[in-house]
Protein backbone atom coordinates (compact mmCIF):
# COMPACT_ATOMS: atom_id res chain seq x y z
CA MET A 1 33.69 -3.01 1.66
CA HIS A 2 30.19 -2.35 2.97
CA CYS A 3 29.69 -2.68 6.71
CA ASN A 4 26.56 -2.17 8.75
CA TRP A 5 26.94 0.47 11.41
CA SER A 6 25.05 2.02 14.27
CA THR A 7 25.60 4.62 16.97
CA ASN A 8 23.34 2.63 19.30
CA PHE A 9 25.19 -0.08 21.24
CA GLU A 10 22.13 -2.18 22.07
CA GLU A 11 20.99 -2.05 18.44
CA ALA A 12 24.37 -3.28 17.24
CA LEU A 13 24.21 -6.23 19.67
CA LYS A 14 21.01 -7.42 18.00
CA ASP A 15 22.85 -8.08 14.73
CA ASP A 16 23.03 -11.88 14.38
CA GLU A 17 26.04 -11.59 12.07
CA VAL A 18 28.08 -10.13 14.91
CA ASN A 19 29.70 -12.82 17.06
CA ALA A 20 32.25 -10.70 18.92
CA VAL A 21 32.47 -7.21 20.39
CA ILE A 22 35.52 -4.97 20.79
CA VAL A 23 35.04 -2.63 23.75
CA ALA A 24 37.29 0.42 23.23
CA SER A 25 34.93 3.01 24.66
CA PRO A 26 35.46 5.45 27.59
CA THR A 27 36.46 3.77 30.85
CA GLY A 28 33.18 4.43 32.65
CA VAL A 29 31.07 2.27 30.31
CA HIS A 30 33.34 -0.78 29.97
CA PHE A 31 31.56 -2.92 32.56
CA GLU A 32 28.09 -2.23 31.17
CA GLN A 33 29.12 -2.95 27.59
CA ILE A 34 31.03 -6.12 28.50
CA THR A 35 28.12 -7.61 30.46
CA LYS A 36 25.55 -6.65 27.82
CA SER A 37 27.73 -8.24 25.15
CA PHE A 38 27.84 -11.53 27.04
CA GLU A 39 24.08 -11.36 27.60
CA ALA A 40 23.69 -11.01 23.84
CA GLY A 41 25.84 -14.08 23.23
CA LYS A 42 28.92 -12.26 21.94
CA ALA A 43 32.58 -12.92 22.73
CA VAL A 44 34.41 -9.88 24.11
CA PHE A 45 37.68 -8.13 23.53
CA THR A 46 37.99 -5.24 25.97
CA GLU A 47 40.35 -2.47 26.88
CA LYS A 48 41.20 -2.06 30.53
CA PRO A 49 39.96 -1.54 33.18
CA LEU A 50 36.98 -3.89 33.04
CA GLY A 51 35.10 -2.10 35.78
CA ASP A 52 35.17 0.34 38.66
CA ASN A 53 35.99 -2.29 41.28
CA LEU A 54 37.11 -5.86 41.79
CA SER A 55 33.54 -7.15 42.02
CA GLN A 56 32.79 -5.86 38.53
CA ILE A 57 35.98 -7.41 37.17
CA ASP A 58 35.06 -10.77 38.72
CA LYS A 59 31.52 -10.48 37.33
CA CYS A 60 32.89 -10.11 33.80
CA PHE A 61 34.94 -13.29 34.10
CA GLU A 62 32.04 -15.13 35.76
CA MET A 63 29.85 -14.28 32.77
CA SER A 64 32.58 -15.46 30.42
CA ASP A 65 32.77 -18.79 32.26
CA LYS A 66 28.99 -19.15 32.42
CA THR A 67 28.41 -18.43 28.74
CA GLY A 68 31.52 -20.24 27.49
CA LEU A 69 32.44 -17.11 25.55
CA PRO A 70 36.03 -15.79 25.72
CA LEU A 71 36.98 -12.57 27.50
CA PHE A 72 40.15 -11.16 25.94
CA VAL A 73 41.65 -8.29 27.95
CA GLY A 74 43.64 -5.84 25.84
CA PHE A 75 47.06 -5.54 27.41
CA ASN A 76 48.54 -4.71 24.03
CA ARG A 77 52.13 -4.24 25.20
CA ARG A 78 52.43 -8.02 25.60
CA PHE A 79 52.15 -8.18 21.80
CA ASP A 80 54.93 -5.70 21.12
CA LYS A 81 57.87 -7.73 19.78
CA SER A 82 60.46 -5.68 21.66
CA HIS A 83 58.79 -6.02 25.08
CA GLN A 84 57.96 -9.64 24.31
CA GLY A 85 61.64 -10.23 23.58
CA VAL A 86 62.57 -8.93 27.03
CA ALA A 87 60.07 -11.24 28.74
CA GLU A 88 61.20 -14.25 26.70
CA ALA A 89 64.89 -13.56 27.41
CA VAL A 90 64.27 -13.32 31.15
CA ALA A 91 62.21 -16.53 31.15
CA ALA A 92 64.94 -18.34 29.18
CA GLY A 93 67.62 -17.30 31.68
CA ALA A 94 69.54 -15.19 29.16
CA ILE A 95 70.34 -12.52 31.77
CA GLY A 96 70.71 -14.97 34.64
CA ASP A 97 68.87 -14.21 37.85
CA PRO A 98 66.93 -10.92 37.44
CA HIS A 99 68.07 -8.24 39.90
CA MET A 100 66.51 -5.06 38.55
CA ILE A 101 63.76 -4.31 36.05
CA LYS A 102 63.09 -0.72 34.99
CA ILE A 103 59.88 0.21 33.18
CA THR A 104 59.62 3.71 31.69
CA SER A 105 56.19 4.89 30.55
CA ARG A 106 55.91 8.57 29.63
CA ASP A 107 52.94 9.85 27.67
CA HIS A 108 52.72 12.16 24.66
CA PRO A 109 50.91 14.33 23.74
CA LEU A 110 49.54 15.82 26.98
CA PRO A 111 46.03 14.44 27.65
CA PRO A 112 43.49 17.27 28.08
CA ALA A 113 42.06 17.99 31.52
CA ASP A 114 38.57 16.95 30.40
CA PHE A 115 39.92 13.48 29.67
CA ILE A 116 41.83 13.26 32.95
CA LYS A 117 38.59 13.88 34.85
CA ILE A 118 36.99 10.74 33.36
CA SER A 119 40.11 8.60 32.82
CA GLY A 120 39.84 6.63 36.05
CA GLY A 121 43.10 8.11 37.32
CA VAL A 122 46.71 7.68 36.29
CA TYR A 123 47.06 4.26 37.92
CA LEU A 124 44.09 2.58 36.24
CA ASP A 125 44.51 4.54 33.02
CA CYS A 126 48.28 4.30 32.53
CA LEU A 127 50.21 2.32 35.12
CA ILE A 128 47.89 -0.67 34.82
CA HIS A 129 49.80 -1.47 31.62
CA ASP A 130 53.11 -1.19 33.44
CA PHE A 131 51.98 -3.43 36.29
CA ASP A 132 50.93 -5.96 33.66
CA MET A 133 54.34 -5.63 32.01
CA ALA A 134 56.01 -6.26 35.38
CA ARG A 135 53.93 -9.43 35.73
CA PHE A 136 54.66 -10.38 32.10
CA VAL A 137 58.42 -10.15 32.67
CA THR A 138 58.70 -11.53 36.23
CA GLY A 139 55.83 -14.03 36.10
CA LYS A 140 54.68 -13.20 39.63
CA ASN A 141 53.45 -10.56 42.06
CA PRO A 142 55.63 -8.41 44.33
CA VAL A 143 55.78 -8.68 48.11
CA GLU A 144 56.32 -4.97 48.85
CA LEU A 145 55.38 -1.73 47.09
CA PHE A 146 56.07 1.96 47.59
CA THR A 147 54.95 4.97 45.54
CA PHE A 148 56.15 8.54 45.23
CA ALA A 149 53.82 10.73 43.17
CA SER A 150 53.09 14.39 42.53
CA GLN A 151 50.84 16.65 40.49
CA LEU A 152 53.03 19.02 38.49
CA ARG A 153 50.96 19.96 35.45
CA PRO A 154 49.14 23.29 35.98
CA GLU A 155 46.45 22.08 33.56
CA TYR A 156 45.36 19.46 36.10
CA LYS A 157 45.12 21.74 39.11
CA GLY A 158 42.01 20.93 41.15
CA ILE A 159 41.74 17.37 39.77
CA ASP A 160 42.22 14.56 42.29
CA ASP A 161 44.96 12.82 40.34
CA VAL A 162 48.73 12.83 39.93
CA ASP A 163 50.81 13.07 36.76
CA ASN A 164 54.36 12.23 37.90
CA VAL A 165 54.77 8.77 39.46
CA LEU A 166 57.53 6.46 40.64
CA VAL A 167 56.60 2.99 41.92
CA THR A 168 59.13 0.60 43.45
CA MET A 169 58.26 -3.06 43.98
CA LYS A 170 60.30 -5.79 45.67
CA TYR A 171 59.86 -9.50 44.93
CA ASP A 172 60.38 -12.58 47.09
CA ASP A 173 63.67 -13.38 45.32
CA GLY A 174 65.07 -9.89 45.95
CA CYS A 175 64.44 -8.59 42.44
CA ILE A 176 63.37 -4.92 42.37
CA VAL A 177 61.07 -3.43 39.73
CA THR A 178 60.70 0.31 39.22
CA ILE A 179 58.06 2.05 37.13
CA ASP A 180 58.49 5.72 36.26
CA ALA A 181 55.48 7.26 34.57
CA ASN A 182 54.52 10.75 33.52
CA ARG A 183 51.48 12.20 31.75
CA TYR A 184 53.67 14.28 29.42
CA CYS A 185 57.01 13.69 27.72
CA ALA A 186 58.24 16.63 25.60
CA TYR A 187 60.35 14.53 23.20
CA GLY A 188 57.71 11.90 22.31
CA TYR A 189 56.11 8.69 23.57
CA ASP A 190 58.82 7.18 25.79
CA GLN A 191 58.34 3.43 26.32
CA ARG A 192 61.22 1.29 27.53
CA VAL A 193 61.69 -1.91 29.51
CA CYS A 194 65.12 -2.91 30.82
CA ALA A 195 65.96 -6.12 32.69
CA PHE A 196 69.33 -6.50 34.44
CA GLY A 197 70.58 -9.74 35.93
CA THR A 198 73.61 -11.79 36.96
CA LYS A 199 74.59 -12.61 33.37
CA GLY A 200 73.71 -9.38 31.60
CA GLN A 201 70.98 -7.00 30.54
CA ILE A 202 68.28 -6.80 27.90
CA GLU A 203 66.34 -3.68 26.93
CA SER A 204 63.48 -2.78 24.62
CA GLU A 205 64.37 0.66 23.34
CA ASN A 206 62.27 3.48 21.92
CA ARG A 207 61.41 3.34 18.25
CA THR A 208 61.80 5.99 15.59
CA ALA A 209 60.35 6.36 12.09
CA SER A 210 63.77 5.54 10.64
CA SER A 211 67.15 4.36 11.92
CA THR A 212 69.23 7.06 10.23
CA CYS A 213 71.82 8.84 12.35
CA LEU A 214 73.70 11.97 11.25
CA SER A 215 77.22 12.24 12.68
CA THR A 216 79.01 15.58 12.42
CA ILE A 217 81.55 17.64 14.35
CA ASP A 218 78.61 18.93 16.40
CA GLY A 219 77.53 15.48 17.52
CA LEU A 220 74.92 12.85 16.61
CA THR A 221 71.43 13.60 15.31
CA ARG A 222 68.74 10.94 15.26
CA PRO A 223 65.02 11.09 14.34
CA VAL A 224 62.61 11.80 17.18
CA ILE A 225 60.86 8.84 18.80
CA HIS A 226 57.26 7.99 17.90
CA HIS A 227 54.65 10.68 18.56
CA SER A 228 52.16 8.63 20.59
CA PHE A 229 50.72 5.18 21.28
CA PRO A 230 49.00 4.56 17.88
CA GLN A 231 52.38 4.86 16.16
CA ARG A 232 54.50 3.14 18.81
CA TYR A 233 52.23 0.15 19.28
CA ARG A 234 50.74 -0.15 15.79
CA GLU A 235 52.28 -3.58 15.23
CA GLY A 236 51.29 -4.71 18.73
CA TYR A 237 47.66 -3.73 18.18
CA ILE A 238 47.58 -5.71 14.93
CA ARG A 239 49.11 -8.79 16.56
CA GLU A 240 46.68 -8.46 19.45
CA ILE A 241 43.63 -8.47 17.17
CA GLU A 242 45.10 -11.41 15.28
CA ALA A 243 45.42 -13.23 18.60
CA PHE A 244 41.77 -12.46 19.37
CA ARG A 245 40.83 -13.92 16.00
CA ASP A 246 42.76 -17.08 16.89
CA VAL A 247 40.92 -17.27 20.22
CA LEU A 248 37.57 -17.02 18.42
CA ASN A 249 38.66 -19.80 16.05
CA GLY A 250 39.61 -22.03 18.98
CA GLU A 251 43.29 -22.01 18.02
CA ARG A 252 44.56 -20.62 21.34
CA GLY A 253 43.38 -19.57 24.77
CA VAL A 254 43.11 -16.02 26.05
CA PRO A 255 46.60 -14.67 26.90
CA VAL A 256 45.69 -12.79 30.10
CA SER A 257 44.05 -14.71 32.93
CA HIS A 258 41.42 -13.66 35.45
CA GLU A 259 44.09 -13.83 38.17
CA GLU A 260 46.41 -11.52 36.22
CA VAL A 261 43.68 -8.96 35.61
CA GLN A 262 42.82 -9.03 39.32
CA ALA A 263 46.49 -8.54 40.16
CA THR A 264 46.99 -5.50 37.94
CA TYR A 265 43.87 -3.87 39.37
CA LYS A 266 44.98 -4.54 42.95
CA LEU A 267 48.46 -3.15 42.31
CA CYS A 268 46.91 0.04 40.94
CA ILE A 269 44.85 0.43 44.11
CA LEU A 270 47.84 -0.29 46.34
CA ALA A 271 50.09 2.13 44.45
CA ASP A 272 47.53 4.90 44.98
CA MET A 273 47.19 3.88 48.65
CA SER A 274 50.94 4.00 49.18
CA ASN A 275 51.19 7.55 47.83
CA ARG A 276 48.16 8.87 49.71
CA GLU A 277 49.15 7.27 53.01
CA LYS A 278 52.90 7.86 52.54
CA ARG A 279 53.87 4.33 53.51
CA MET A 280 55.38 1.09 52.30
CA ILE A 281 52.72 -1.50 51.43
CA ASN A 282 53.20 -5.08 52.54
CA ILE A 283 51.28 -6.83 49.76
CA ALA A 284 50.20 -9.80 51.87
CA ASP A 285 48.63 -7.50 54.47
CA GLU A 286 46.44 -5.65 51.97
CA TRP A 287 45.85 -8.00 49.03
CA ASP A 288 42.67 -9.71 50.21
CA LYS A 289 41.14 -6.49 51.59
CA ILE A 290 40.70 -4.91 48.16
CA GLN A 291 37.13 -4.92 46.93
């Protein structure tokens, strides 16, 4: 199928046959491309983060409201059937009252140092998805947060970022959420969500290319887990784009609200603050101070 193309963003926006833009470019140009798309009368699907600060994020949603054009923020893990199943089970009361939610998010392959320098940092680049998943499963924001983090990869020496992170969040009902994240996982792209409650537990496990398992006197041998995010979340990306299509056709609203995008950004900032200042963060004390 023939498709017009251009390497010039502004030129592409002038095409009257284009009614929507997918922003999947480097982090540093998201805000500019989102706002220019709205100015050109195009609906927007965008990867996170929307901008460098809260004011830019708010500006994007203000332009969406002003133009009447949807702003669809790409938190693709919400469209993964396994993670979605965890959230639905918790909401339905299948595990009773949630006591502990564990989110594991370990990257593979190792991102190069040149990317790390422009990534926006591990919180806005990686953990923003995990904070969104915490919101997706619990339906609310935490009241307390504490972060332990370290830089262990020699490849990142001299870069103001961390690659090994543990975040603990407490909620007003006593539920505790932990997020353990790492920039490199030797055995593949490790993505799990586990919710434990008064009636039981539900977990979205890692996926493999096949479900075969060899059992011998030496033990069990299973296929390795998926290599990286394009393989692990292939289905989720497809379902996400289908959802964007439905939004454009007026068949549904955008799945992630302005408030939720604000919240994930703020939690990223507070997680970084907690590690740098070596202290527990009382969310209420800091929430409205974030710019």
